[in-house]
Amino acid sequence: MSTAIDIVASVQAKAGHEAEVEKIIKTAVPPARAEEGNIKYDVHKDLQRKGHFVFIERWADNAAIGKHGGTPHFQQLVKDLQPISEGLDVTFLECISQ
């Protein structure tokens, strides 16, 4: 059985900050994808809720997730989003279907 862990994280931009949040999020994608242990790192814009963005990630294991959380680009992402969003909602998932 795989030890890969999926993450679904979402962020809601505060009104008037939707474009800024989208720009900040897009800058975080390339360095996250380059990290050791990253399998997938995609960000989606919700078509039904303005300013709502969803990250869909897959990491090799908990160690990779821990390293990701400590990277300068992730720390900067959180710092930049804090004043212009409602915060991050993060769910950690283990796939049980094959």
PDB file of N, CA and C in Angstrom:
ATOM      1  N   MET A   1       0.841  -1.192   0.000  1.00  0.00           N
ATOM      2  CA  MET A   1       0.000   0.000   0.000  1.00  0.00           C
ATOM      3  C   MET A   1       0.878   1.246   0.000  1.00  0.00           C
ATOM      4  N   SER A   2       0.472   2.216  -0.758  1.00  0.00           N
ATOM      5  CA  SER A   2       1.218   3.458  -0.901  1.00  0.00           C
ATOM      6  C   SER A   2       1.133   4.294   0.373  1.00  0.00           C
ATOM      7  N   THR A   3       2.206   5.007   0.648  1.00  0.00           N
ATOM      8  CA  THR A   3       2.190   5.922   1.786  1.00  0.00           C
ATOM      9  C   THR A   3       1.885   7.350   1.341  1.00  0.00           C
ATOM     10  N   ALA A   4       1.607   7.530   0.056  1.00  0.00           N
ATOM     11  CA  ALA A   4       1.322   8.874  -0.459  1.00  0.00           C
ATOM     12  C   ALA A   4       0.135   9.484   0.273  1.00  0.00           C
ATOM     13  N   ILE A   5       0.219  10.772   0.471  1.00  0.00           N
ATOM     14  CA  ILE A   5      -0.836  11.505   1.172  1.00  0.00           C
ATOM     15  C   ILE A   5      -1.334  12.617   0.261  1.00  0.00           C
ATOM     16  N   ASP A   6      -2.639  12.707   0.147  1.00  0.00           N
ATOM     17  CA  ASP A   6      -3.260  13.770  -0.639  1.00  0.00           C
ATOM     18  C   ASP A   6      -3.697  14.887   0.300  1.00  0.00           C
ATOM     19  N   ILE A   7      -3.627  16.085  -0.215  1.00  0.00           N
ATOM     20  CA  ILE A   7      -4.093  17.252   0.529  1.00  0.00           C
ATOM     21  C   ILE A   7      -5.066  18.013  -0.359  1.00  0.00           C
ATOM     22  N   VAL A   8      -6.188  18.389   0.228  1.00  0.00           N
ATOM     23  CA  VAL A   8      -7.111  19.311  -0.412  1.00  0.00           C
ATOM     24  C   VAL A   8      -7.175  20.520   0.520  1.00  0.00           C
ATOM     25  N   ALA A   9      -6.710  21.638   0.015  1.00  0.00           N
ATOM     26  CA  ALA A   9      -6.695  22.860   0.814  1.00  0.00           C
ATOM     27  C   ALA A   9      -7.447  23.942   0.055  1.00  0.00           C
ATOM     28  N   SER A  10      -8.131  24.784   0.787  1.00  0.00           N
ATOM     29  CA  SER A  10      -8.868  25.856   0.120  1.00  0.00           C
ATOM     30  C   SER A  10      -8.629  27.178   0.830  1.00  0.00           C
ATOM     31  N   VAL A  11      -8.775  28.229   0.048  1.00  0.00           N
ATOM     32  CA  VAL A  11      -8.630  29.580   0.579  1.00  0.00           C
ATOM     33  C   VAL A  11      -9.697  30.455  -0.064  1.00  0.00           C
ATOM     34  N   GLN A  12     -10.310  31.291   0.741  1.00  0.00           N
ATOM     35  CA  GLN A  12     -11.318  32.226   0.262  1.00  0.00           C
ATOM     36  C   GLN A  12     -10.751  33.636   0.350  1.00  0.00           C
ATOM     37  N   ALA A  13     -10.651  34.294  -0.791  1.00  0.00           N
ATOM     38  CA  ALA A  13     -10.166  35.678  -0.813  1.00  0.00           C
ATOM     39  C   ALA A  13     -11.202  36.601  -0.178  1.00  0.00           C
ATOM     40  N   LYS A  14     -10.726  37.598   0.528  1.00  0.00           N
ATOM     41  CA  LYS A  14     -11.628  38.636   1.011  1.00  0.00           C
ATOM     42  C   LYS A  14     -12.106  39.442  -0.190  1.00  0.00           C
ATOM     43  N   ALA A  15     -13.308  39.987  -0.096  1.00  0.00           N
ATOM     44  CA  ALA A  15     -13.895  40.752  -1.195  1.00  0.00           C
ATOM     45  C   ALA A  15     -12.940  41.840  -1.667  1.00  0.00           C
ATOM     46  N   GLY A  16     -12.784  41.917  -2.978  1.00  0.00           N
ATOM     47  CA  GLY A  16     -11.910  42.910  -3.569  1.00  0.00           C
ATOM     48  C   GLY A  16     -10.463  42.470  -3.720  1.00  0.00           C
ATOM     49  N   HIS A  17     -10.120  41.305  -3.175  1.00  0.00           N
ATOM     50  CA  HIS A  17      -8.739  40.816  -3.222  1.00  0.00           C
ATOM     51  C   HIS A  17      -8.594  39.541  -4.052  1.00  0.00           C
ATOM     52  N   GLU A  18      -9.608  39.208  -4.829  1.00  0.00           N
ATOM     53  CA  GLU A  18      -9.595  37.947  -5.577  1.00  0.00           C
ATOM     54  C   GLU A  18      -8.404  37.841  -6.538  1.00  0.00           C
ATOM     55  N   ALA A  19      -8.156  38.872  -7.313  1.00  0.00           N
ATOM     56  CA  ALA A  19      -7.061  38.841  -8.295  1.00  0.00           C
ATOM     57  C   ALA A  19      -5.702  38.761  -7.600  1.00  0.00           C
ATOM     58  N   GLU A  20      -5.570  39.469  -6.500  1.00  0.00           N
ATOM     59  CA  GLU A  20      -4.314  39.459  -5.751  1.00  0.00           C
ATOM     60  C   GLU A  20      -4.041  38.074  -5.162  1.00  0.00           C
ATOM     61  N   VAL A  21      -5.071  37.446  -4.599  1.00  0.00           N
ATOM     62  CA  VAL A  21      -4.916  36.098  -4.055  1.00  0.00           C
ATOM     63  C   VAL A  21      -4.522  35.128  -5.163  1.00  0.00           C
ATOM     64  N   GLU A  22      -5.191  35.226  -6.301  1.00  0.00           N
ATOM     65  CA  GLU A  22      -4.868  34.332  -7.419  1.00  0.00           C
ATOM     66  C   GLU A  22      -3.408  34.499  -7.848  1.00  0.00           C
ATOM     67  N   LYS A  23      -2.944  35.717  -7.936  1.00  0.00           N
ATOM     68  CA  LYS A  23      -1.557  35.976  -8.344  1.00  0.00           C
ATOM     69  C   LYS A  23      -0.573  35.383  -7.334  1.00  0.00           C
ATOM     70  N   ILE A  24      -0.826  35.578  -6.070  1.00  0.00           N
ATOM     71  CA  ILE A  24       0.051  35.054  -5.018  1.00  0.00           C
ATOM     72  C   ILE A  24       0.092  33.533  -5.068  1.00  0.00           C
ATOM     73  N   ILE A  25      -1.072  32.918  -5.212  1.00  0.00           N
ATOM     74  CA  ILE A  25      -1.145  31.455  -5.261  1.00  0.00           C
ATOM     75  C   ILE A  25      -0.354  30.912  -6.445  1.00  0.00           C
ATOM     76  N   LYS A  26      -0.499  31.539  -7.591  1.00  0.00           N
ATOM     77  CA  LYS A  26       0.195  31.052  -8.792  1.00  0.00           C
ATOM     78  C   LYS A  26       1.711  31.080  -8.627  1.00  0.00           C
ATOM     79  N   THR A  27       2.229  32.045  -7.879  1.00  0.00           N
ATOM     80  CA  THR A  27       3.681  32.113  -7.685  1.00  0.00           C
ATOM     81  C   THR A  27       4.196  30.979  -6.800  1.00  0.00           C
ATOM     82  N   ALA A  28       3.321  30.386  -6.002  1.00  0.00           N
ATOM     83  CA  ALA A  28       3.733  29.309  -5.098  1.00  0.00           C
ATOM     84  C   ALA A  28       3.811  27.950  -5.785  1.00  0.00           C
ATOM     85  N   VAL A  29       3.203  27.813  -6.945  1.00  0.00           N
ATOM     86  CA  VAL A  29       3.121  26.502  -7.603  1.00  0.00           C
ATOM     87  C   VAL A  29       4.477  25.977  -8.073  1.00  0.00           C
ATOM     88  N   PRO A  30       5.252  26.709  -8.869  1.00  0.00           N
ATOM     89  CA  PRO A  30       6.513  26.136  -9.374  1.00  0.00           C
ATOM     90  C   PRO A  30       7.481  25.647  -8.286  1.00  0.00           C
ATOM     91  N   PRO A  31       7.731  26.435  -7.220  1.00  0.00           N
ATOM     92  CA  PRO A  31       8.656  25.911  -6.211  1.00  0.00           C
ATOM     93  C   PRO A  31       8.105  24.697  -5.463  1.00  0.00           C
ATOM     94  N   ALA A  32       6.794  24.638  -5.257  1.00  0.00           N
ATOM     95  CA  ALA A  32       6.210  23.468  -4.589  1.00  0.00           C
ATOM     96  C   ALA A  32       6.359  22.224  -5.455  1.00  0.00           C
ATOM     97  N   ARG A  33       6.118  22.368  -6.748  1.00  0.00           N
ATOM     98  CA  ARG A  33       6.260  21.233  -7.658  1.00  0.00           C
ATOM     99  C   ARG A  33       7.699  20.735  -7.732  1.00  0.00           C
ATOM    100  N   ALA A  34       8.655  21.614  -7.479  1.00  0.00           N
ATOM    101  CA  ALA A  34      10.070  21.244  -7.552  1.00  0.00           C
ATOM    102  C   ALA A  34      10.573  20.555  -6.282  1.00  0.00           C
ATOM    103  N   GLU A  35       9.772  20.550  -5.241  1.00  0.00           N
ATOM    104  CA  GLU A  35      10.206  19.963  -3.976  1.00  0.00           C
ATOM    105  C   GLU A  35      10.331  18.447  -4.071  1.00  0.00           C
ATOM    106  N   GLU A  36      11.333  17.933  -3.362  1.00  0.00           N
ATOM    107  CA  GLU A  36      11.482  16.484  -3.253  1.00  0.00           C
ATOM    108  C   GLU A  36      10.264  15.931  -2.514  1.00  0.00           C
ATOM    109  N   GLY A  37       9.681  14.877  -3.046  1.00  0.00           N
ATOM    110  CA  GLY A  37       8.515  14.268  -2.415  1.00  0.00           C
ATOM    111  C   GLY A  37       7.189  14.772  -2.944  1.00  0.00           C
ATOM    112  N   ASN A  38       7.218  15.809  -3.781  1.00  0.00           N
ATOM    113  CA  ASN A  38       5.966  16.279  -4.373  1.00  0.00           C
ATOM    114  C   ASN A  38       5.626  15.436  -5.587  1.00  0.00           C
ATOM    115  N   ILE A  39       4.405  14.958  -5.632  1.00  0.00           N
ATOM    116  CA  ILE A  39       3.917  14.157  -6.755  1.00  0.00           C
ATOM    117  C   ILE A  39       2.971  14.987  -7.611  1.00  0.00           C
ATOM    118  N   LYS A  40       2.157  15.806  -6.962  1.00  0.00           N
ATOM    119  CA  LYS A  40       1.182  16.637  -7.676  1.00  0.00           C
ATOM    120  C   LYS A  40       0.930  17.894  -6.852  1.00  0.00           C
ATOM    121  N   TYR A  41       0.802  19.022  -7.546  1.00  0.00           N
ATOM    122  CA  TYR A  41       0.495  20.277  -6.873  1.00  0.00           C
ATOM    123  C   TYR A  41      -0.237  21.162  -7.868  1.00  0.00           C
ATOM    124  N   ASP A  42      -1.540  21.159  -7.793  1.00  0.00           N
ATOM    125  CA  ASP A  42      -2.372  21.937  -8.706  1.00  0.00           C
ATOM    126  C   ASP A  42      -3.279  22.858  -7.903  1.00  0.00           C
ATOM    127  N   VAL A  43      -3.570  24.006  -8.483  1.00  0.00           N
ATOM    128  CA  VAL A  43      -4.492  24.954  -7.858  1.00  0.00           C
ATOM    129  C   VAL A  43      -5.624  25.230  -8.829  1.00  0.00           C
ATOM    130  N   HIS A  44      -6.831  25.244  -8.304  1.00  0.00           N
ATOM    131  CA  HIS A  44      -8.028  25.435  -9.118  1.00  0.00           C
ATOM    132  C   HIS A  44      -8.815  26.636  -8.610  1.00  0.00           C
ATOM    133  N   LYS A  45      -9.482  27.304  -9.538  1.00  0.00           N
ATOM    134  CA  LYS A  45     -10.387  28.407  -9.189  1.00  0.00           C
ATOM    135  C   LYS A  45     -11.803  27.851  -9.201  1.00  0.00           C
ATOM    136  N   ASP A  46     -12.524  28.054  -8.119  1.00  0.00           N
ATOM    137  CA  ASP A  46     -13.905  27.593  -7.992  1.00  0.00           C
ATOM    138  C   ASP A  46     -14.789  28.365  -8.969  1.00  0.00           C
ATOM    139  N   LEU A  47     -15.546  27.656  -9.776  1.00  0.00           N
ATOM    140  CA  LEU A  47     -16.420  28.294 -10.765  1.00  0.00           C
ATOM    141  C   LEU A  47     -17.746  28.766 -10.175  1.00  0.00           C
ATOM    142  N   GLN A  48     -18.042  28.335  -8.956  1.00  0.00           N
ATOM    143  CA  GLN A  48     -19.318  28.704  -8.341  1.00  0.00           C
ATOM    144  C   GLN A  48     -19.186  29.718  -7.208  1.00  0.00           C
ATOM    145  N   ARG A  49     -17.987  29.859  -6.666  1.00  0.00           N
ATOM    146  CA  ARG A  49     -17.781  30.794  -5.556  1.00  0.00           C
ATOM    147  C   ARG A  49     -16.636  31.739  -5.908  1.00  0.00           C
ATOM    148  N   LYS A  50     -16.953  32.987  -6.105  1.00  0.00           N
ATOM    149  CA  LYS A  50     -15.951  33.996  -6.468  1.00  0.00           C
ATOM    150  C   LYS A  50     -14.870  34.084  -5.391  1.00  0.00           C
ATOM    151  N   GLY A  51     -13.623  34.053  -5.841  1.00  0.00           N
ATOM    152  CA  GLY A  51     -12.514  34.210  -4.915  1.00  0.00           C
ATOM    153  C   GLY A  51     -12.172  32.986  -4.100  1.00  0.00           C
ATOM    154  N   HIS A  52     -12.734  31.844  -4.467  1.00  0.00           N
ATOM    155  CA  HIS A  52     -12.454  30.602  -3.745  1.00  0.00           C
ATOM    156  C   HIS A  52     -11.501  29.756  -4.581  1.00  0.00           C
ATOM    157  N   PHE A  53     -10.381  29.349  -3.975  1.00  0.00           N
ATOM    158  CA  PHE A  53      -9.352  28.583  -4.669  1.00  0.00           C
ATOM    159  C   PHE A  53      -9.092  27.281  -3.924  1.00  0.00           C
ATOM    160  N   VAL A  54      -8.816  26.223  -4.685  1.00  0.00           N
ATOM    161  CA  VAL A  54      -8.611  24.900  -4.099  1.00  0.00           C
ATOM    162  C   VAL A  54      -7.285  24.327  -4.581  1.00  0.00           C
ATOM    163  N   PHE A  55      -6.467  23.924  -3.633  1.00  0.00           N
ATOM    164  CA  PHE A  55      -5.211  23.236  -3.913  1.00  0.00           C
ATOM    165  C   PHE A  55      -5.477  21.736  -3.867  1.00  0.00           C
ATOM    166  N   ILE A  56      -4.989  21.006  -4.851  1.00  0.00           N
ATOM    167  CA  ILE A  56      -5.047  19.550  -4.836  1.00  0.00           C
ATOM    168  C   ILE A  56      -3.607  19.070  -4.940  1.00  0.00           C
ATOM    169  N   GLU A  57      -3.157  18.432  -3.873  1.00  0.00           N
ATOM    170  CA  GLU A  57      -1.748  18.064  -3.764  1.00  0.00           C
ATOM    171  C   GLU A  57      -1.602  16.571  -3.476  1.00  0.00           C
ATOM    172  N   ARG A  58      -0.466  16.030  -3.876  1.00  0.00           N
ATOM    173  CA  ARG A  58      -0.103  14.668  -3.486  1.00  0.00           C
ATOM    174  C   ARG A  58       1.374  14.690  -3.120  1.00  0.00           C
ATOM    175  N   TRP A  59       1.649  14.133  -1.949  1.00  0.00           N
ATOM    176  CA  TRP A  59       3.009  14.085  -1.422  1.00  0.00           C
ATOM    177  C   TRP A  59       3.385  12.638  -1.139  1.00  0.00           C
ATOM    178  N   ALA A  60       4.670  12.342  -1.251  1.00  0.00           N
ATOM    179  CA  ALA A  60       5.156  10.973  -1.086  1.00  0.00           C
ATOM    180  C   ALA A  60       4.890  10.434   0.316  1.00  0.00           C
ATOM    181  N   ASP A  61       4.999  11.294   1.318  1.00  0.00           N
ATOM    182  CA  ASP A  61       4.822  10.842   2.700  1.00  0.00           C
ATOM    183  C   ASP A  61       4.718  12.052   3.629  1.00  0.00           C
ATOM    184  N   ASN A  62       4.543  11.764   4.920  1.00  0.00           N
ATOM    185  CA  ASN A  62       4.428  12.841   5.912  1.00  0.00           C
ATOM    186  C   ASN A  62       5.692  13.680   6.005  1.00  0.00           C
ATOM    187  N   ALA A  63       6.840  13.041   5.808  1.00  0.00           N
ATOM    188  CA  ALA A  63       8.102  13.780   5.872  1.00  0.00           C
ATOM    189  C   ALA A  63       8.146  14.863   4.798  1.00  0.00           C
ATOM    190  N   ALA A  64       7.695  14.532   3.596  1.00  0.00           N
ATOM    191  CA  ALA A  64       7.677  15.514   2.504  1.00  0.00           C
ATOM    192  C   ALA A  64       6.730  16.666   2.824  1.00  0.00           C
ATOM    193  N   ILE A  65       5.595  16.348   3.427  1.00  0.00           N
ATOM    194  CA  ILE A  65       4.644  17.398   3.816  1.00  0.00           C
ATOM    195  C   ILE A  65       5.264  18.302   4.879  1.00  0.00           C
ATOM    196  N   GLY A  66       5.933  17.696   5.837  1.00  0.00           N
ATOM    197  CA  GLY A  66       6.588  18.474   6.882  1.00  0.00           C
ATOM    198  C   GLY A  66       7.640  19.417   6.327  1.00  0.00           C
ATOM    199  N   LYS A  67       8.433  18.920   5.387  1.00  0.00           N
ATOM    200  CA  LYS A  67       9.451  19.766   4.759  1.00  0.00           C
ATOM    201  C   LYS A  67       8.798  20.899   3.972  1.00  0.00           C
ATOM    202  N   HIS A  68       7.715  20.580   3.268  1.00  0.00           N
ATOM    203  CA  HIS A  68       6.997  21.594   2.490  1.00  0.00           C
ATOM    204  C   HIS A  68       6.523  22.729   3.397  1.00  0.00           C
ATOM    205  N   GLY A  69       5.964  22.374   4.536  1.00  0.00           N
ATOM    206  CA  GLY A  69       5.463  23.387   5.463  1.00  0.00           C
ATOM    207  C   GLY A  69       6.537  24.310   6.006  1.00  0.00           C
ATOM    208  N   GLY A  70       7.783  23.859   5.980  1.00  0.00           N
ATOM    209  CA  GLY A  70       8.881  24.664   6.484  1.00  0.00           C
ATOM    210  C   GLY A  70       9.645  25.438   5.427  1.00  0.00           C
ATOM    211  N   THR A  71       9.246  25.296   4.173  1.00  0.00           N
ATOM    212  CA  THR A  71       9.977  25.978   3.104  1.00  0.00           C
ATOM    213  C   THR A  71       9.700  27.483   3.124  1.00  0.00           C
ATOM    214  N   PRO A  72      10.683  28.268   2.708  1.00  0.00           N
ATOM    215  CA  PRO A  72      10.468  29.723   2.664  1.00  0.00           C
ATOM    216  C   PRO A  72       9.299  30.127   1.765  1.00  0.00           C
ATOM    217  N   HIS A  73       9.124  29.446   0.628  1.00  0.00           N
ATOM    218  CA  HIS A  73       8.034  29.854  -0.273  1.00  0.00           C
ATOM    219  C   HIS A  73       6.659  29.539   0.323  1.00  0.00           C
ATOM    220  N   PHE A  74       6.539  28.452   1.087  1.00  0.00           N
ATOM    221  CA  PHE A  74       5.254  28.161   1.732  1.00  0.00           C
ATOM    222  C   PHE A  74       4.993  29.160   2.858  1.00  0.00           C
ATOM    223  N   GLN A  75       6.010  29.438   3.656  1.00  0.00           N
ATOM    224  CA  GLN A  75       5.854  30.409   4.737  1.00  0.00           C
ATOM    225  C   GLN A  75       5.474  31.784   4.185  1.00  0.00           C
ATOM    226  N   GLN A  76       6.058  32.157   3.052  1.00  0.00           N
ATOM    227  CA  GLN A  76       5.727  33.439   2.418  1.00  0.00           C
ATOM    228  C   GLN A  76       4.292  33.437   1.907  1.00  0.00           C
ATOM    229  N   LEU A  77       3.868  32.306   1.335  1.00  0.00           N
ATOM    230  CA  LEU A  77       2.487  32.177   0.851  1.00  0.00           C
ATOM    231  C   LEU A  77       1.499  32.429   1.985  1.00  0.00           C
ATOM    232  N   VAL A  78       1.708  31.769   3.102  1.00  0.00           N
ATOM    233  CA  VAL A  78       0.813  31.929   4.250  1.00  0.00           C
ATOM    234  C   VAL A  78       0.822  33.381   4.731  1.00  0.00           C
ATOM    235  N   LYS A  79       2.001  33.966   4.823  1.00  0.00           N
ATOM    236  CA  LYS A  79       2.124  35.360   5.282  1.00  0.00           C
ATOM    237  C   LYS A  79       1.402  36.319   4.339  1.00  0.00           C
ATOM    238  N   ASP A  80       1.601  36.116   3.030  1.00  0.00           N
ATOM    239  CA  ASP A  80       0.987  37.011   2.047  1.00  0.00           C
ATOM    240  C   ASP A  80      -0.530  36.874   1.995  1.00  0.00           C
ATOM    241  N   LEU A  81      -1.032  35.659   2.204  1.00  0.00           N
ATOM    242  CA  LEU A  81      -2.475  35.430   2.132  1.00  0.00           C
ATOM    243  C   LEU A  81      -3.220  35.879   3.388  1.00  0.00           C
ATOM    244  N   GLN A  82      -2.540  35.891   4.517  1.00  0.00           N
ATOM    245  CA  GLN A  82      -3.206  36.164   5.794  1.00  0.00           C
ATOM    246  C   GLN A  82      -4.069  37.430   5.794  1.00  0.00           C
ATOM    247  N   PRO A  83      -3.569  38.575   5.366  1.00  0.00           N
ATOM    248  CA  PRO A  83      -4.405  39.779   5.476  1.00  0.00           C
ATOM    249  C   PRO A  83      -5.484  39.918   4.398  1.00  0.00           C
ATOM    250  N   ILE A  84      -5.407  39.114   3.339  1.00  0.00           N
ATOM    251  CA  ILE A  84      -6.345  39.294   2.219  1.00  0.00           C
ATOM    252  C   ILE A  84      -7.230  38.075   1.972  1.00  0.00           C
ATOM    253  N   SER A  85      -7.223  37.139   2.925  1.00  0.00           N
ATOM    254  CA  SER A  85      -8.063  35.949   2.774  1.00  0.00           C
ATOM    255  C   SER A  85      -8.675  35.574   4.113  1.00  0.00           C
ATOM    256  N   GLU A  86      -9.565  34.603   4.053  1.00  0.00           N
ATOM    257  CA  GLU A  86     -10.210  34.103   5.265  1.00  0.00           C
ATOM    258  C   GLU A  86      -9.401  32.971   5.893  1.00  0.00           C
ATOM    259  N   GLY A  87      -8.188  32.732   5.389  1.00  0.00           N
ATOM    260  CA  GLY A  87      -7.326  31.682   5.922  1.00  0.00           C
ATOM    261  C   GLY A  87      -7.417  30.408   5.108  1.00  0.00           C
ATOM    262  N   LEU A  88      -6.529  29.484   5.405  1.00  0.00           N
ATOM    263  CA  LEU A  88      -6.467  28.203   4.703  1.00  0.00           C
ATOM    264  C   LEU A  88      -7.241  27.139   5.462  1.00  0.00           C
ATOM    265  N   ASP A  89      -7.975  26.323   4.731  1.00  0.00           N
ATOM    266  CA  ASP A  89      -8.644  25.151   5.290  1.00  0.00           C
ATOM    267  C   ASP A  89      -7.975  23.944   4.644  1.00  0.00           C
ATOM    268  N   VAL A  90      -7.352  23.088   5.450  1.00  0.00           N
ATOM    269  CA  VAL A  90      -6.541  21.992   4.922  1.00  0.00           C
ATOM    270  C   VAL A  90      -7.077  20.651   5.400  1.00  0.00           C
ATOM    271  N   THR A  91      -7.217  19.704   4.459  1.00  0.00           N
ATOM    272  CA  THR A  91      -7.644  18.342   4.769  1.00  0.00           C
ATOM    273  C   THR A  91      -6.595  17.375   4.247  1.00  0.00           C
ATOM    274  N   PHE A  92      -6.157  16.459   5.107  1.00  0.00           N
ATOM    275  CA  PHE A  92      -5.185  15.435   4.739  1.00  0.00           C
ATOM    276  C   PHE A  92      -5.935  14.133   4.473  1.00  0.00           C
ATOM    277  N   LEU A  93      -5.622  13.497   3.347  1.00  0.00           N
ATOM    278  CA  LEU A  93      -6.377  12.323   2.915  1.00  0.00           C
ATOM    279  C   LEU A  93      -5.467  11.150   2.580  1.00  0.00           C
ATOM    280  N   GLU A  94      -5.970   9.950   2.857  1.00  0.00           N
ATOM    281  CA  GLU A  94      -5.319   8.714   2.436  1.00  0.00           C
ATOM    282  C   GLU A  94      -6.264   8.012   1.478  1.00  0.00           C
ATOM    283  N   CYS A  95      -5.773   7.685   0.295  1.00  0.00           N
ATOM    284  CA  CYS A  95      -6.602   7.004  -0.696  1.00  0.00           C
ATOM    285  C   CYS A  95      -6.866   5.569  -0.243  1.00  0.00           C
ATOM    286  N   ILE A  96      -8.121   5.156  -0.270  1.00  0.00           N
ATOM    287  CA  ILE A  96      -8.464   3.788   0.120  1.00  0.00           C
ATOM    288  C   ILE A  96      -8.993   2.973  -1.054  1.00  0.00           C
ATOM    289  N   SER A  97      -9.064   3.563  -2.226  1.00  0.00           N
ATOM    290  CA  SER A  97      -9.493   2.827  -3.420  1.00  0.00           C
ATOM    291  C   SER A  97      -8.297   2.632  -4.333  1.00  0.00           C
ATOM    292  N   GLN A  98      -8.327   1.579  -5.076  1.00  0.00           N
ATOM    293  CA  GLN A  98      -7.208   1.299  -6.000  1.00  0.00           C
ATOM    294  C   GLN A  98      -7.701   1.236  -7.411  1.00  0.00           C
TER     295      GLN A  98
END
